[in-house]
Amino acid sequence: MEHLAPDIWTERVVAQGFPTVSAVILTPSKAFVVDTLTSPQEAQPLLGLLRQKGSGQRVVVVNTHHHWDHVYGNAAFRDADIVAHRACPRLMLAQRSTADESVPPEPPEGVPLPAVTFGDRLIFDADPETVHLIHTPGHTADSLVVYAARAGMLFAGDVLEWPLPSFCDREAAETWVQTLRRLKQLPVDLVVPAHGTPRPKALIDDNERYIVELYEAVTAAKREGTGRHELDLPAERFLPESARVDALYEAVHAANLAHAWDEV
């Protein structure tokens, strides 16, 4: 595991080609686990770190949203409080019967549902750290971020992504942009997305620009008669110069274009 800051570590695995990150935040009274990766086996390094570095703190598991690569390791933490947005348990149940072939079967251990849910915000005063769980819809209706105020770190789930975000929910672009503009009000030094590398706070601006300008470009192209599979809008047009788009994210961008074309 990577030691990101005092009392904060991250674990990185690969889920269907995507680098996927979980985090542990230790405080004197609580140990926060942000997402549980793709299976109880993949979550074992998190448990090992809790045994090695922890001192009997109450474990609080946070599911940033219902997607399988964030929750399939929940069974590794059966004695923990599993916390999520109030829509998450319902969406996890729906995921069990999805026709989406990209969603693998649940692990044999099952996937325990969050037992503690909230609406807009849930705050843990875990002196000296204050941990905020903030509902941030856009990628999905149940998306949330974890903000460690003292550390100045934002654990973003899939609300933010590098080099570019992945569109999921329908008719969510405007909500997503509103979410990102709210997040910019937080005093954040480092953003830790679930997919991609930790980035400066400017990642929020980068993702907002990608969403807004992509929708504008697709709208203009569709008005001119461009078909769904004829869009010639390379990802680099909407990204900062420092972004490098590999084949995996070229495919994500192509899917985003089709997603936007269907909506505008």
C-alpha atoms as a PDB file:
ATOM      1  CA  MET A   1       0.000   0.000   0.000  1.00  0.00           C
ATOM      2  CA  GLU A   2       1.096   3.566  -0.667  1.00  0.00           C
ATOM      3  CA  HIS A   3       1.587   5.873   2.327  1.00  0.00           C
ATOM      4  CA  LEU A   4      -0.030   9.011   0.920  1.00  0.00           C
ATOM      5  CA  ALA A   5       0.099  11.219   4.027  1.00  0.00           C
ATOM      6  CA  PRO A   6       0.316  10.805   7.815  1.00  0.00           C
ATOM      7  CA  ASP A   7      -2.334   8.218   8.765  1.00  0.00           C
ATOM      8  CA  ILE A   8      -3.576   7.895   5.151  1.00  0.00           C
ATOM      9  CA  TRP A   9      -2.815   5.015   2.782  1.00  0.00           C
ATOM     10  CA  THR A  10      -4.096   3.888  -0.601  1.00  0.00           C
ATOM     11  CA  GLU A  11      -4.319   0.475  -2.254  1.00  0.00           C
ATOM     12  CA  ARG A  12      -4.432   0.162  -6.030  1.00  0.00           C
ATOM     13  CA  VAL A  13      -5.692  -2.795  -8.073  1.00  0.00           C
ATOM     14  CA  VAL A  14      -6.687  -3.220 -11.710  1.00  0.00           C
ATOM     15  CA  ALA A  15     -10.379  -3.824 -12.468  1.00  0.00           C
ATOM     16  CA  GLN A  16     -11.089  -4.665 -16.115  1.00  0.00           C
ATOM     17  CA  GLY A  17      -8.085  -2.596 -17.122  1.00  0.00           C
ATOM     18  CA  PHE A  18      -8.883   0.385 -14.912  1.00  0.00           C
ATOM     19  CA  PRO A  19      -6.549   1.319 -12.046  1.00  0.00           C
ATOM     20  CA  THR A  20      -8.888   1.276  -9.054  1.00  0.00           C
ATOM     21  CA  VAL A  21      -8.088   2.802  -5.676  1.00  0.00           C
ATOM     22  CA  SER A  22      -9.229   2.271  -2.107  1.00  0.00           C
ATOM     23  CA  ALA A  23      -8.037   4.322   0.868  1.00  0.00           C
ATOM     24  CA  VAL A  24      -7.602   3.985   4.614  1.00  0.00           C
ATOM     25  CA  ILE A  25      -7.778   7.007   6.907  1.00  0.00           C
ATOM     26  CA  LEU A  26      -6.764   6.338  10.510  1.00  0.00           C
ATOM     27  CA  THR A  27      -7.875   8.544  13.399  1.00  0.00           C
ATOM     28  CA  PRO A  28      -7.570   7.841  17.143  1.00  0.00           C
ATOM     29  CA  SER A  29     -11.196   6.688  17.351  1.00  0.00           C
ATOM     30  CA  LYS A  30     -12.105   5.448  13.868  1.00  0.00           C
ATOM     31  CA  ALA A  31     -10.542   3.778  10.859  1.00  0.00           C
ATOM     32  CA  PHE A  32     -12.196   4.794   7.597  1.00  0.00           C
ATOM     33  CA  VAL A  33     -12.009   2.495   4.572  1.00  0.00           C
ATOM     34  CA  VAL A  34     -13.026   4.270   1.374  1.00  0.00           C
ATOM     35  CA  ASP A  35     -14.365   1.614  -1.026  1.00  0.00           C
ATOM     36  CA  THR A  36     -13.599  -2.097  -0.808  1.00  0.00           C
ATOM     37  CA  LEU A  37     -12.358  -2.887  -4.325  1.00  0.00           C
ATOM     38  CA  THR A  38     -13.451  -5.864  -6.394  1.00  0.00           C
ATOM     39  CA  SER A  39     -13.541  -8.777  -3.927  1.00  0.00           C
ATOM     40  CA  PRO A  40     -12.801  -9.715  -0.315  1.00  0.00           C
ATOM     41  CA  GLN A  41      -9.472 -11.109  -1.523  1.00  0.00           C
ATOM     42  CA  GLU A  42      -8.468  -7.794  -3.112  1.00  0.00           C
ATOM     43  CA  ALA A  43      -9.394  -6.072   0.165  1.00  0.00           C
ATOM     44  CA  GLN A  44      -6.969  -8.154   2.246  1.00  0.00           C
ATOM     45  CA  PRO A  45      -4.164  -5.544   2.141  1.00  0.00           C
ATOM     46  CA  LEU A  46      -6.601  -3.061   3.704  1.00  0.00           C
ATOM     47  CA  LEU A  47      -7.302  -5.482   6.536  1.00  0.00           C
ATOM     48  CA  GLY A  48      -3.591  -6.128   6.935  1.00  0.00           C
ATOM     49  CA  LEU A  49      -2.893  -2.437   7.288  1.00  0.00           C
ATOM     50  CA  LEU A  50      -5.666  -2.065   9.870  1.00  0.00           C
ATOM     51  CA  ARG A  51      -4.106  -4.876  11.895  1.00  0.00           C
ATOM     52  CA  GLN A  52      -0.622  -3.435  11.552  1.00  0.00           C
ATOM     53  CA  LYS A  53      -1.296   0.271  12.045  1.00  0.00           C
ATOM     54  CA  GLY A  54      -4.614   0.340  13.863  1.00  0.00           C
ATOM     55  CA  SER A  55      -5.196   0.255  17.588  1.00  0.00           C
ATOM     56  CA  GLY A  56      -8.679  -1.170  17.880  1.00  0.00           C
ATOM     57  CA  GLN A  57     -10.523   1.729  16.263  1.00  0.00           C
ATOM     58  CA  ARG A  58     -14.080   1.245  15.071  1.00  0.00           C
ATOM     59  CA  VAL A  59     -13.935   0.515  11.335  1.00  0.00           C
ATOM     60  CA  VAL A  60     -16.186   2.616   9.114  1.00  0.00           C
ATOM     61  CA  VAL A  61     -16.432   1.403   5.498  1.00  0.00           C
ATOM     62  CA  VAL A  62     -17.631   3.989   2.997  1.00  0.00           C
ATOM     63  CA  ASN A  63     -19.068   2.896  -0.362  1.00  0.00           C
ATOM     64  CA  THR A  64     -18.705   5.918  -2.641  1.00  0.00           C
ATOM     65  CA  HIS A  65     -21.401   4.454  -4.915  1.00  0.00           C
ATOM     66  CA  HIS A  66     -22.962   1.136  -5.860  1.00  0.00           C
ATOM     67  CA  HIS A  67     -20.780   0.034  -8.769  1.00  0.00           C
ATOM     68  CA  TRP A  68     -19.271  -3.426  -8.347  1.00  0.00           C
ATOM     69  CA  ASP A  69     -15.621  -2.324  -8.384  1.00  0.00           C
ATOM     70  CA  HIS A  70     -16.272  -0.210  -5.273  1.00  0.00           C
ATOM     71  CA  VAL A  71     -18.383  -2.610  -3.190  1.00  0.00           C
ATOM     72  CA  TYR A  72     -17.570  -6.246  -4.031  1.00  0.00           C
ATOM     73  CA  GLY A  73     -15.047  -6.392  -1.192  1.00  0.00           C
ATOM     74  CA  ASN A  74     -17.616  -5.451   1.471  1.00  0.00           C
ATOM     75  CA  ALA A  75     -17.743  -8.983   2.877  1.00  0.00           C
ATOM     76  CA  ALA A  76     -14.183  -8.568   4.156  1.00  0.00           C
ATOM     77  CA  PHE A  77     -15.557  -6.054   6.682  1.00  0.00           C
ATOM     78  CA  ARG A  78     -18.583  -7.828   8.149  1.00  0.00           C
ATOM     79  CA  ASP A  79     -18.022  -6.348  11.625  1.00  0.00           C
ATOM     80  CA  ALA A  80     -17.694  -2.776  10.305  1.00  0.00           C
ATOM     81  CA  ASP A  81     -20.266  -0.047   9.850  1.00  0.00           C
ATOM     82  CA  ILE A  82     -20.841   0.180   6.084  1.00  0.00           C
ATOM     83  CA  VAL A  83     -21.974   3.689   5.157  1.00  0.00           C
ATOM     84  CA  ALA A  84     -23.325   5.051   1.870  1.00  0.00           C
ATOM     85  CA  HIS A  85     -25.853   7.440   0.398  1.00  0.00           C
ATOM     86  CA  ARG A  86     -29.440   6.363   1.011  1.00  0.00           C
ATOM     87  CA  ALA A  87     -29.915   5.388  -2.653  1.00  0.00           C
ATOM     88  CA  CYS A  88     -26.936   3.022  -2.645  1.00  0.00           C
ATOM     89  CA  PRO A  89     -28.523  -0.133  -1.140  1.00  0.00           C
ATOM     90  CA  ARG A  90     -31.393  -0.043  -3.648  1.00  0.00           C
ATOM     91  CA  LEU A  91     -28.988   0.405  -6.557  1.00  0.00           C
ATOM     92  CA  MET A  92     -26.750  -2.388  -5.279  1.00  0.00           C
ATOM     93  CA  LEU A  93     -29.752  -4.715  -5.223  1.00  0.00           C
ATOM     94  CA  ALA A  94     -30.673  -3.682  -8.772  1.00  0.00           C
ATOM     95  CA  GLN A  95     -27.095  -4.336  -9.890  1.00  0.00           C
ATOM     96  CA  ARG A  96     -27.504  -7.997  -8.902  1.00  0.00           C
ATOM     97  CA  SER A  97     -29.991  -8.525 -11.741  1.00  0.00           C
ATOM     98  CA  THR A  98     -28.446  -6.196 -14.329  1.00  0.00           C
ATOM     99  CA  ALA A  99     -28.187  -7.255 -17.950  1.00  0.00           C
ATOM    100  CA  ASP A 100     -24.905  -5.347 -18.239  1.00  0.00           C
ATOM    101  CA  GLU A 101     -22.351  -8.014 -19.162  1.00  0.00           C
ATOM    102  CA  SER A 102     -19.479  -5.845 -17.871  1.00  0.00           C
ATOM    103  CA  VAL A 103     -20.704  -6.458 -14.299  1.00  0.00           C
ATOM    104  CA  PRO A 104     -19.202  -9.721 -13.011  1.00  0.00           C
ATOM    105  CA  PRO A 105     -21.078 -12.076 -10.678  1.00  0.00           C
ATOM    106  CA  GLU A 106     -20.914 -11.266  -6.991  1.00  0.00           C
ATOM    107  CA  PRO A 107     -18.146 -13.027  -5.032  1.00  0.00           C
ATOM    108  CA  PRO A 108     -19.151 -16.244  -3.210  1.00  0.00           C
ATOM    109  CA  GLU A 109     -18.982 -14.377   0.106  1.00  0.00           C
ATOM    110  CA  GLY A 110     -21.793 -12.080  -1.045  1.00  0.00           C
ATOM    111  CA  VAL A 111     -21.877  -8.298  -0.883  1.00  0.00           C
ATOM    112  CA  PRO A 112     -23.272  -6.904   2.374  1.00  0.00           C
ATOM    113  CA  LEU A 113     -25.389  -3.800   1.854  1.00  0.00           C
ATOM    114  CA  PRO A 114     -24.679  -0.519   3.635  1.00  0.00           C
ATOM    115  CA  ALA A 115     -26.544  -0.427   6.948  1.00  0.00           C
ATOM    116  CA  VAL A 116     -25.912   3.258   7.653  1.00  0.00           C
ATOM    117  CA  THR A 117     -27.200   5.723   5.061  1.00  0.00           C
ATOM    118  CA  PHE A 118     -27.640   9.472   4.798  1.00  0.00           C
ATOM    119  CA  GLY A 119     -29.009  12.178   2.528  1.00  0.00           C
ATOM    120  CA  ASP A 120     -26.928  15.282   1.846  1.00  0.00           C
ATOM    121  CA  ARG A 121     -23.988  15.092   4.262  1.00  0.00           C
ATOM    122  CA  LEU A 122     -22.690  13.018   7.161  1.00  0.00           C
ATOM    123  CA  ILE A 123     -19.867  14.349   9.346  1.00  0.00           C
ATOM    124  CA  PHE A 124     -17.582  12.308  11.598  1.00  0.00           C
ATOM    125  CA  ASP A 125     -15.746  14.405  14.174  1.00  0.00           C
ATOM    126  CA  ALA A 126     -12.803  12.055  14.711  1.00  0.00           C
ATOM    127  CA  ASP A 127     -10.376  14.439  16.411  1.00  0.00           C
ATOM    128  CA  PRO A 128      -7.929  15.600  15.129  1.00  0.00           C
ATOM    129  CA  GLU A 129      -9.492  14.835  11.733  1.00  0.00           C
ATOM    130  CA  THR A 130     -13.000  15.715  10.594  1.00  0.00           C
ATOM    131  CA  VAL A 131     -14.310  13.436   7.856  1.00  0.00           C
ATOM    132  CA  HIS A 132     -17.185  14.668   5.687  1.00  0.00           C
ATOM    133  CA  LEU A 133     -19.256  12.353   3.492  1.00  0.00           C
ATOM    134  CA  ILE A 134     -20.916  14.562   0.887  1.00  0.00           C
ATOM    135  CA  HIS A 135     -23.583  13.479  -1.597  1.00  0.00           C
ATOM    136  CA  THR A 136     -22.261  14.409  -5.040  1.00  0.00           C
ATOM    137  CA  PRO A 137     -24.623  13.126  -7.760  1.00  0.00           C
ATOM    138  CA  GLY A 138     -23.562  13.116 -11.387  1.00  0.00           C
ATOM    139  CA  HIS A 139     -21.679   9.948 -12.245  1.00  0.00           C
ATOM    140  CA  THR A 140     -24.460   8.099 -10.415  1.00  0.00           C
ATOM    141  CA  ALA A 141     -27.401   9.215  -8.304  1.00  0.00           C
ATOM    142  CA  ASP A 142     -25.814   7.789  -5.147  1.00  0.00           C
ATOM    143  CA  SER A 143     -22.276   9.099  -5.656  1.00  0.00           C
ATOM    144  CA  LEU A 144     -20.492  10.625  -2.694  1.00  0.00           C
ATOM    145  CA  VAL A 145     -17.045  11.980  -1.872  1.00  0.00           C
ATOM    146  CA  VAL A 146     -15.035  11.693   1.328  1.00  0.00           C
ATOM    147  CA  TYR A 147     -13.410  14.931   2.434  1.00  0.00           C
ATOM    148  CA  ALA A 148     -10.703  14.749   5.099  1.00  0.00           C
ATOM    149  CA  ALA A 149     -10.674  18.377   6.174  1.00  0.00           C
ATOM    150  CA  ARG A 150      -7.478  18.495   8.230  1.00  0.00           C
ATOM    151  CA  ALA A 151      -5.490  16.660   5.565  1.00  0.00           C
ATOM    152  CA  GLY A 152      -7.051  18.735   2.777  1.00  0.00           C
ATOM    153  CA  MET A 153      -7.757  15.577   0.772  1.00  0.00           C
ATOM    154  CA  LEU A 154     -10.782  14.726  -1.314  1.00  0.00           C
ATOM    155  CA  PHE A 155     -11.415  11.037  -1.992  1.00  0.00           C
ATOM    156  CA  ALA A 156     -13.597  11.398  -5.043  1.00  0.00           C
ATOM    157  CA  GLY A 157     -14.877   7.954  -5.984  1.00  0.00           C
ATOM    158  CA  ASP A 158     -15.923   8.253  -9.647  1.00  0.00           C
ATOM    159  CA  VAL A 159     -17.177  11.834  -9.318  1.00  0.00           C
ATOM    160  CA  LEU A 160     -13.732  12.893 -10.539  1.00  0.00           C
ATOM    161  CA  GLU A 161     -11.439  10.869 -12.767  1.00  0.00           C
ATOM    162  CA  TRP A 162      -8.118  11.251 -14.559  1.00  0.00           C
ATOM    163  CA  PRO A 163      -7.632  11.748 -17.443  1.00  0.00           C
ATOM    164  CA  LEU A 164     -11.381  12.066 -18.089  1.00  0.00           C
ATOM    165  CA  PRO A 165     -14.670  11.175 -16.417  1.00  0.00           C
ATOM    166  CA  SER A 166     -16.895   8.279 -17.429  1.00  0.00           C
ATOM    167  CA  PHE A 167     -20.541   9.096 -18.162  1.00  0.00           C
ATOM    168  CA  CYS A 168     -23.019   6.726 -16.579  1.00  0.00           C
ATOM    169  CA  ASP A 169     -26.442   8.051 -15.532  1.00  0.00           C
ATOM    170  CA  ARG A 170     -28.763   9.503 -18.155  1.00  0.00           C
ATOM    171  CA  GLU A 171     -29.706  13.213 -18.093  1.00  0.00           C
ATOM    172  CA  ALA A 172     -27.103  13.836 -15.382  1.00  0.00           C
ATOM    173  CA  ALA A 173     -24.652  16.249 -17.007  1.00  0.00           C
ATOM    174  CA  GLU A 174     -26.175  19.432 -15.551  1.00  0.00           C
ATOM    175  CA  THR A 175     -26.379  17.870 -12.089  1.00  0.00           C
ATOM    176  CA  TRP A 176     -22.770  16.713 -12.378  1.00  0.00           C
ATOM    177  CA  VAL A 177     -21.539  20.186 -13.300  1.00  0.00           C
ATOM    178  CA  GLN A 178     -23.423  21.671 -10.349  1.00  0.00           C
ATOM    179  CA  THR A 179     -21.775  19.074  -8.103  1.00  0.00           C
ATOM    180  CA  LEU A 180     -18.300  19.985  -9.361  1.00  0.00           C
ATOM    181  CA  ARG A 181     -18.918  23.680  -8.803  1.00  0.00           C
ATOM    182  CA  ARG A 182     -19.922  22.942  -5.212  1.00  0.00           C
ATOM    183  CA  LEU A 183     -16.788  20.875  -4.671  1.00  0.00           C
ATOM    184  CA  LYS A 184     -14.630  23.778  -5.777  1.00  0.00           C
ATOM    185  CA  GLN A 185     -15.737  25.628  -2.663  1.00  0.00           C
ATOM    186  CA  LEU A 186     -13.876  23.122  -0.448  1.00  0.00           C
ATOM    187  CA  PRO A 187     -10.284  23.922   0.621  1.00  0.00           C
ATOM    188  CA  VAL A 188      -8.692  20.906  -1.065  1.00  0.00           C
ATOM    189  CA  ASP A 189      -4.981  20.328  -1.642  1.00  0.00           C
ATOM    190  CA  LEU A 190      -5.134  16.886  -3.232  1.00  0.00           C
ATOM    191  CA  VAL A 191      -7.835  14.930  -5.066  1.00  0.00           C
ATOM    192  CA  VAL A 192      -7.672  11.129  -4.962  1.00  0.00           C
ATOM    193  CA  PRO A 193      -9.953   9.698  -7.662  1.00  0.00           C
ATOM    194  CA  ALA A 194     -10.923   6.039  -7.580  1.00  0.00           C
ATOM    195  CA  HIS A 195      -9.580   5.725 -11.133  1.00  0.00           C
ATOM    196  CA  GLY A 196      -6.391   7.556 -12.000  1.00  0.00           C
ATOM    197  CA  THR A 197      -3.576   9.134 -10.030  1.00  0.00           C
ATOM    198  CA  PRO A 198      -3.856  11.708  -7.223  1.00  0.00           C
ATOM    199  CA  ARG A 199      -4.128  15.175  -8.719  1.00  0.00           C
ATOM    200  CA  PRO A 200      -4.176  18.815  -7.635  1.00  0.00           C
ATOM    201  CA  LYS A 201      -7.523  20.512  -7.069  1.00  0.00           C
ATOM    202  CA  ALA A 202      -7.425  21.682 -10.708  1.00  0.00           C
ATOM    203  CA  LEU A 203      -8.778  18.233 -11.610  1.00  0.00           C
ATOM    204  CA  ILE A 204     -12.220  19.560 -10.693  1.00  0.00           C
ATOM    205  CA  ASP A 205     -11.904  22.308 -13.323  1.00  0.00           C
ATOM    206  CA  ASP A 206     -10.519  19.820 -15.840  1.00  0.00           C
ATOM    207  CA  ASN A 207     -13.449  17.427 -15.441  1.00  0.00           C
ATOM    208  CA  GLU A 208     -15.992  20.260 -15.535  1.00  0.00           C
ATOM    209  CA  ARG A 209     -14.504  21.604 -18.745  1.00  0.00           C
ATOM    210  CA  TYR A 210     -14.570  18.134 -20.316  1.00  0.00           C
ATOM    211  CA  ILE A 211     -18.255  17.605 -19.520  1.00  0.00           C
ATOM    212  CA  VAL A 212     -19.432  21.084 -20.514  1.00  0.00           C
ATOM    213  CA  GLU A 213     -17.427  21.444 -23.720  1.00  0.00           C
ATOM    214  CA  LEU A 214     -18.073  17.879 -24.874  1.00  0.00           C
ATOM    215  CA  TYR A 215     -21.840  18.352 -24.563  1.00  0.00           C
ATOM    216  CA  GLU A 216     -21.600  21.691 -26.383  1.00  0.00           C
ATOM    217  CA  ALA A 217     -19.578  20.151 -29.219  1.00  0.00           C
ATOM    218  CA  VAL A 218     -21.860  17.122 -29.572  1.00  0.00           C
ATOM    219  CA  THR A 219     -24.936  19.372 -29.592  1.00  0.00           C
ATOM    220  CA  ALA A 220     -23.448  21.493 -32.383  1.00  0.00           C
ATOM    221  CA  ALA A 221     -22.424  18.439 -34.398  1.00  0.00           C
ATOM    222  CA  LYS A 222     -25.838  16.822 -34.099  1.00  0.00           C
ATOM    223  CA  ARG A 223     -27.559  20.034 -35.227  1.00  0.00           C
ATOM    224  CA  GLU A 224     -25.370  19.932 -38.334  1.00  0.00           C
ATOM    225  CA  GLY A 225     -26.571  16.391 -39.059  1.00  0.00           C
ATOM    226  CA  THR A 226     -23.605  14.398 -37.758  1.00  0.00           C
ATOM    227  CA  GLY A 227     -24.610  10.858 -36.888  1.00  0.00           C
ATOM    228  CA  ARG A 228     -23.965   9.047 -33.628  1.00  0.00           C
ATOM    229  CA  HIS A 229     -21.049   7.065 -35.069  1.00  0.00           C
ATOM    230  CA  GLU A 230     -19.668   9.929 -37.180  1.00  0.00           C
ATOM    231  CA  LEU A 231     -18.518  12.268 -34.413  1.00  0.00           C
ATOM    232  CA  ASP A 232     -14.957  13.457 -35.010  1.00  0.00           C
ATOM    233  CA  LEU A 233     -14.231  14.962 -31.624  1.00  0.00           C
ATOM    234  CA  PRO A 234     -10.925  13.685 -30.196  1.00  0.00           C
ATOM    235  CA  ALA A 235     -10.586  13.565 -26.433  1.00  0.00           C
ATOM    236  CA  GLU A 236      -7.566  15.880 -26.476  1.00  0.00           C
ATOM    237  CA  ARG A 237      -9.821  18.736 -27.593  1.00  0.00           C
ATOM    238  CA  PHE A 238     -11.458  18.737 -24.149  1.00  0.00           C
ATOM    239  CA  LEU A 239      -8.465  17.965 -21.918  1.00  0.00           C
ATOM    240  CA  PRO A 240      -5.452  19.821 -20.506  1.00  0.00           C
ATOM    241  CA  GLU A 241      -2.178  19.423 -22.386  1.00  0.00           C
ATOM    242  CA  SER A 242      -0.760  17.258 -19.593  1.00  0.00           C
ATOM    243  CA  ALA A 243      -3.406  14.557 -20.101  1.00  0.00           C
ATOM    244  CA  ARG A 244      -2.391  11.373 -21.895  1.00  0.00           C
ATOM    245  CA  VAL A 245      -5.236   9.262 -23.267  1.00  0.00           C
ATOM    246  CA  ASP A 246      -4.475   5.570 -23.711  1.00  0.00           C
ATOM    247  CA  ALA A 247      -6.582   3.034 -25.581  1.00  0.00           C
ATOM    248  CA  LEU A 248      -8.675   2.334 -22.489  1.00  0.00           C
ATOM    249  CA  TYR A 249      -9.715   5.960 -22.098  1.00  0.00           C
ATOM    250  CA  GLU A 250     -10.102   6.430 -25.854  1.00  0.00           C
ATOM    251  CA  ALA A 251     -12.857   3.824 -25.526  1.00  0.00           C
ATOM    252  CA  VAL A 252     -14.337   5.660 -22.526  1.00  0.00           C
ATOM    253  CA  HIS A 253     -14.323   8.903 -24.512  1.00  0.00           C
ATOM    254  CA  ALA A 254     -16.019   7.234 -27.490  1.00  0.00           C
ATOM    255  CA  ALA A 255     -18.716   5.895 -25.157  1.00  0.00           C
ATOM    256  CA  ASN A 256     -19.106   9.369 -23.635  1.00  0.00           C
ATOM    257  CA  LEU A 257     -19.643  10.871 -27.080  1.00  0.00           C
ATOM    258  CA  ALA A 258     -22.363   8.345 -27.883  1.00  0.00           C
ATOM    259  CA  HIS A 259     -23.921   8.897 -24.460  1.00  0.00           C
ATOM    260  CA  ALA A 260     -24.067  12.666 -25.016  1.00  0.00           C
ATOM    261  CA  TRP A 261     -25.378  12.288 -28.613  1.00  0.00           C
ATOM    262  CA  ASP A 262     -28.292  10.213 -27.312  1.00  0.00           C
ATOM    263  CA  GLU A 263     -29.220  12.945 -24.847  1.00  0.00           C
ATOM    264  CA  VAL A 264     -28.915  16.209 -26.782  1.00  0.00           C
END
